[in-house]
């Protein structure tokens, strides 16, 4: 069974059981953001976590085993995303990427923000002109070292 097949089983079961990503995150005692990434195939689950999801979603044993494998990270089917929502993030980085880089370097020095030691929170922010999407990302700063 491939990771893509497991992801499809998860999406089908989630829809059939009318569960939210938040509910699945609560079942694992993890954030909805990390849980969603994991169940869409971007993170490996522990044996206990995979078992919890397997039971909750009634997944076959081979799917539960795949959930425990370290995945190939990066899930976009093309270099430039075509999905409108994902494309807007691509556009955001194209427009503001150099600004983000410059400001991080000015504040922290030469380095990067970790996507490994990382957390994210996505929330609805009510606004009279139309609700807004609020995304907070927090990653450890990793300076480049001299040697």
C-alpha atoms as a PDB file:
ATOM      1  CA  UNK A   1       0.000   0.000   0.000  1.00  0.00           C
ATOM      2  CA  UNK A   2       1.368   3.424  -0.939  1.00  0.00           C
ATOM      3  CA  UNK A   3       1.257   6.569   1.156  1.00  0.00           C
ATOM      4  CA  UNK A   4      -1.071   8.157  -1.426  1.00  0.00           C
ATOM      5  CA  UNK A   5      -3.465   5.207  -1.042  1.00  0.00           C
ATOM      6  CA  UNK A   6      -3.349   5.557   2.750  1.00  0.00           C
ATOM      7  CA  UNK A   7      -4.042   9.281   2.469  1.00  0.00           C
ATOM      8  CA  UNK A   8      -7.080   8.540   0.307  1.00  0.00           C
ATOM      9  CA  UNK A   9      -8.332   5.974   2.855  1.00  0.00           C
ATOM     10  CA  UNK A  10      -7.953   8.602   5.589  1.00  0.00           C
ATOM     11  CA  UNK A  11      -9.816  11.250   3.597  1.00  0.00           C
ATOM     12  CA  UNK A  12     -12.611   8.787   2.764  1.00  0.00           C
ATOM     13  CA  UNK A  13     -12.981   7.668   6.409  1.00  0.00           C
ATOM     14  CA  UNK A  14     -12.826  11.255   7.699  1.00  0.00           C
ATOM     15  CA  UNK A  15     -15.642  12.218   5.315  1.00  0.00           C
ATOM     16  CA  UNK A  16     -17.700   9.081   6.025  1.00  0.00           C
ATOM     17  CA  UNK A  17     -17.397   9.528   9.800  1.00  0.00           C
ATOM     18  CA  UNK A  18     -17.905  13.316   9.575  1.00  0.00           C
ATOM     19  CA  UNK A  19     -14.745  14.029  11.588  1.00  0.00           C
ATOM     20  CA  UNK A  20     -12.759  17.262  11.581  1.00  0.00           C
ATOM     21  CA  UNK A  21      -8.973  17.616  11.543  1.00  0.00           C
ATOM     22  CA  UNK A  22      -9.326  19.187  14.999  1.00  0.00           C
ATOM     23  CA  UNK A  23     -11.097  16.057  16.241  1.00  0.00           C
ATOM     24  CA  UNK A  24      -8.324  13.845  14.859  1.00  0.00           C
ATOM     25  CA  UNK A  25      -5.704  16.104  16.473  1.00  0.00           C
ATOM     26  CA  UNK A  26      -7.498  15.855  19.813  1.00  0.00           C
ATOM     27  CA  UNK A  27      -7.508  12.050  19.505  1.00  0.00           C
ATOM     28  CA  UNK A  28      -3.706  12.168  19.162  1.00  0.00           C
ATOM     29  CA  UNK A  29      -3.329  14.972  21.723  1.00  0.00           C
ATOM     30  CA  UNK A  30      -1.520  17.006  19.047  1.00  0.00           C
ATOM     31  CA  UNK A  31      -2.267  20.191  17.122  1.00  0.00           C
ATOM     32  CA  UNK A  32      -4.684  20.069  14.219  1.00  0.00           C
ATOM     33  CA  UNK A  33      -1.921  21.513  12.026  1.00  0.00           C
ATOM     34  CA  UNK A  34       0.656  18.774  12.725  1.00  0.00           C
ATOM     35  CA  UNK A  35      -1.997  16.052  12.665  1.00  0.00           C
ATOM     36  CA  UNK A  36      -3.291  17.208   9.283  1.00  0.00           C
ATOM     37  CA  UNK A  37       0.236  17.289   7.841  1.00  0.00           C
ATOM     38  CA  UNK A  38       0.873  13.785   9.180  1.00  0.00           C
ATOM     39  CA  UNK A  39      -2.380  12.331   7.901  1.00  0.00           C
ATOM     40  CA  UNK A  40      -1.828  13.921   4.493  1.00  0.00           C
ATOM     41  CA  UNK A  41       1.457  12.025   4.330  1.00  0.00           C
ATOM     42  CA  UNK A  42       4.089  14.550   5.438  1.00  0.00           C
ATOM     43  CA  UNK A  43       5.039  13.193   8.882  1.00  0.00           C
ATOM     44  CA  UNK A  44       5.622   9.768  10.439  1.00  0.00           C
ATOM     45  CA  UNK A  45       3.392   8.711  13.332  1.00  0.00           C
ATOM     46  CA  UNK A  46       4.565   6.646  16.287  1.00  0.00           C
ATOM     47  CA  UNK A  47       3.196   3.132  16.643  1.00  0.00           C
ATOM     48  CA  UNK A  48       0.730   4.330  19.309  1.00  0.00           C
ATOM     49  CA  UNK A  49      -0.391   7.326  17.232  1.00  0.00           C
ATOM     50  CA  UNK A  50      -0.841   5.207  14.106  1.00  0.00           C
ATOM     51  CA  UNK A  51      -2.821   2.680  16.142  1.00  0.00           C
ATOM     52  CA  UNK A  52      -5.103   5.391  17.508  1.00  0.00           C
ATOM     53  CA  UNK A  53      -5.816   6.744  14.034  1.00  0.00           C
ATOM     54  CA  UNK A  54      -6.157   3.236  12.621  1.00  0.00           C
ATOM     55  CA  UNK A  55      -8.801   2.362  15.213  1.00  0.00           C
ATOM     56  CA  UNK A  56     -10.646   5.643  14.933  1.00  0.00           C
ATOM     57  CA  UNK A  57     -10.770   5.546  11.126  1.00  0.00           C
ATOM     58  CA  UNK A  58     -11.001   1.732  10.849  1.00  0.00           C
ATOM     59  CA  UNK A  59      -7.887   1.514   8.668  1.00  0.00           C
ATOM     60  CA  UNK A  60      -6.364  -1.817   7.610  1.00  0.00           C
ATOM     61  CA  UNK A  61      -3.152  -2.970   9.324  1.00  0.00           C
ATOM     62  CA  UNK A  62      -0.994  -2.268   6.274  1.00  0.00           C
ATOM     63  CA  UNK A  63      -2.219   1.356   6.243  1.00  0.00           C
ATOM     64  CA  UNK A  64      -1.350   1.702   9.945  1.00  0.00           C
ATOM     65  CA  UNK A  65       2.148   0.395   9.144  1.00  0.00           C
ATOM     66  CA  UNK A  66       2.599   2.947   6.332  1.00  0.00           C
ATOM     67  CA  UNK A  67       1.672   5.775   8.720  1.00  0.00           C
ATOM     68  CA  UNK A  68       4.763   4.866  10.765  1.00  0.00           C
ATOM     69  CA  UNK A  69       7.200   5.109   7.846  1.00  0.00           C
ATOM     70  CA  UNK A  70       9.278   8.236   7.311  1.00  0.00           C
ATOM     71  CA  UNK A  71       7.697   9.896   4.267  1.00  0.00           C
ATOM     72  CA  UNK A  72       9.187  11.626   1.282  1.00  0.00           C
ATOM     73  CA  UNK A  73       8.410  15.221   2.242  1.00  0.00           C
ATOM     74  CA  UNK A  74       7.041  17.715  -0.229  1.00  0.00           C
ATOM     75  CA  UNK A  75       3.620  17.057  -1.640  1.00  0.00           C
ATOM     76  CA  UNK A  76       3.076  19.514  -4.465  1.00  0.00           C
ATOM     77  CA  UNK A  77       2.507  17.847  -7.841  1.00  0.00           C
ATOM     78  CA  UNK A  78       4.237  20.644  -9.771  1.00  0.00           C
ATOM     79  CA  UNK A  79       6.920  23.289  -9.248  1.00  0.00           C
ATOM     80  CA  UNK A  80       4.339  26.077  -9.506  1.00  0.00           C
ATOM     81  CA  UNK A  81       1.191  25.039  -7.651  1.00  0.00           C
ATOM     82  CA  UNK A  82      -2.074  25.200  -9.578  1.00  0.00           C
ATOM     83  CA  UNK A  83      -4.484  24.943  -6.641  1.00  0.00           C
ATOM     84  CA  UNK A  84      -5.680  28.554  -6.062  1.00  0.00           C
ATOM     85  CA  UNK A  85      -5.238  28.516  -2.275  1.00  0.00           C
ATOM     86  CA  UNK A  86      -1.764  26.971  -2.407  1.00  0.00           C
ATOM     87  CA  UNK A  87      -0.807  29.249  -5.304  1.00  0.00           C
ATOM     88  CA  UNK A  88      -1.527  32.296  -3.109  1.00  0.00           C
ATOM     89  CA  UNK A  89       1.169  31.112  -0.668  1.00  0.00           C
ATOM     90  CA  UNK A  90       3.543  30.672  -3.603  1.00  0.00           C
ATOM     91  CA  UNK A  91       2.616  34.200  -4.716  1.00  0.00           C
ATOM     92  CA  UNK A  92       3.067  35.503  -1.158  1.00  0.00           C
ATOM     93  CA  UNK A  93       6.607  34.092  -1.008  1.00  0.00           C
ATOM     94  CA  UNK A  94       7.376  35.460  -4.482  1.00  0.00           C
ATOM     95  CA  UNK A  95       6.305  38.952  -3.381  1.00  0.00           C
ATOM     96  CA  UNK A  96       7.378  38.979   0.284  1.00  0.00           C
ATOM     97  CA  UNK A  97      10.057  36.255   0.406  1.00  0.00           C
ATOM     98  CA  UNK A  98      12.981  38.638  -0.002  1.00  0.00           C
ATOM     99  CA  UNK A  99      11.450  40.961   2.605  1.00  0.00           C
ATOM    100  CA  UNK A 100      11.028  38.104   5.095  1.00  0.00           C
ATOM    101  CA  UNK A 101      14.601  36.944   4.415  1.00  0.00           C
ATOM    102  CA  UNK A 102      16.044  40.449   4.812  1.00  0.00           C
ATOM    103  CA  UNK A 103      14.180  41.149   8.053  1.00  0.00           C
ATOM    104  CA  UNK A 104      15.099  37.772   9.580  1.00  0.00           C
ATOM    105  CA  UNK A 105      18.754  38.315   8.683  1.00  0.00           C
ATOM    106  CA  UNK A 106      18.689  41.844  10.091  1.00  0.00           C
ATOM    107  CA  UNK A 107      17.161  40.624  13.364  1.00  0.00           C
ATOM    108  CA  UNK A 108      18.971  37.272  13.784  1.00  0.00           C
ATOM    109  CA  UNK A 109      21.945  37.218  11.419  1.00  0.00           C
ATOM    110  CA  UNK A 110      22.818  34.760   8.658  1.00  0.00           C
ATOM    111  CA  UNK A 111      20.718  31.612   9.058  1.00  0.00           C
ATOM    112  CA  UNK A 112      17.357  30.009   8.457  1.00  0.00           C
ATOM    113  CA  UNK A 113      14.073  29.320  10.209  1.00  0.00           C
ATOM    114  CA  UNK A 114      13.681  25.637  10.994  1.00  0.00           C
ATOM    115  CA  UNK A 115      10.752  23.719   9.564  1.00  0.00           C
ATOM    116  CA  UNK A 116      11.712  20.855  11.894  1.00  0.00           C
ATOM    117  CA  UNK A 117      11.681  22.693  15.250  1.00  0.00           C
ATOM    118  CA  UNK A 118       8.488  24.429  14.157  1.00  0.00           C
ATOM    119  CA  UNK A 119       4.891  25.066  15.120  1.00  0.00           C
ATOM    120  CA  UNK A 120       1.958  26.626  13.313  1.00  0.00           C
ATOM    121  CA  UNK A 121      -1.509  27.801  14.298  1.00  0.00           C
ATOM    122  CA  UNK A 122      -4.286  28.500  11.798  1.00  0.00           C
ATOM    123  CA  UNK A 123      -7.358  30.334  13.058  1.00  0.00           C
ATOM    124  CA  UNK A 124     -10.356  32.319  11.879  1.00  0.00           C
ATOM    125  CA  UNK A 125     -10.121  36.008  12.735  1.00  0.00           C
ATOM    126  CA  UNK A 126     -13.549  37.705  12.632  1.00  0.00           C
ATOM    127  CA  UNK A 127     -13.591  40.986  10.722  1.00  0.00           C
ATOM    128  CA  UNK A 128     -16.618  43.155   9.808  1.00  0.00           C
ATOM    129  CA  UNK A 129     -15.290  43.413   6.213  1.00  0.00           C
ATOM    130  CA  UNK A 130     -15.053  39.612   5.927  1.00  0.00           C
ATOM    131  CA  UNK A 131     -13.367  37.023   8.102  1.00  0.00           C
ATOM    132  CA  UNK A 132      -9.607  36.716   7.816  1.00  0.00           C
ATOM    133  CA  UNK A 133      -7.253  33.755   7.884  1.00  0.00           C
ATOM    134  CA  UNK A 134      -4.676  34.110  10.652  1.00  0.00           C
ATOM    135  CA  UNK A 135      -1.559  31.963  10.333  1.00  0.00           C
ATOM    136  CA  UNK A 136       1.151  32.079  12.992  1.00  0.00           C
ATOM    137  CA  UNK A 137       4.371  30.193  12.265  1.00  0.00           C
ATOM    138  CA  UNK A 138       7.160  29.788  14.781  1.00  0.00           C
ATOM    139  CA  UNK A 139      10.433  28.130  13.861  1.00  0.00           C
ATOM    140  CA  UNK A 140      13.740  27.931  15.683  1.00  0.00           C
ATOM    141  CA  UNK A 141      16.452  30.147  14.193  1.00  0.00           C
ATOM    142  CA  UNK A 142      19.407  28.104  12.983  1.00  0.00           C
ATOM    143  CA  UNK A 143      22.507  30.216  12.319  1.00  0.00           C
ATOM    144  CA  UNK A 144      25.048  29.190   9.723  1.00  0.00           C
ATOM    145  CA  UNK A 145      28.276  28.192  11.444  1.00  0.00           C
ATOM    146  CA  UNK A 146      31.856  28.809  10.446  1.00  0.00           C
ATOM    147  CA  UNK A 147      34.335  25.977  10.530  1.00  0.00           C
END
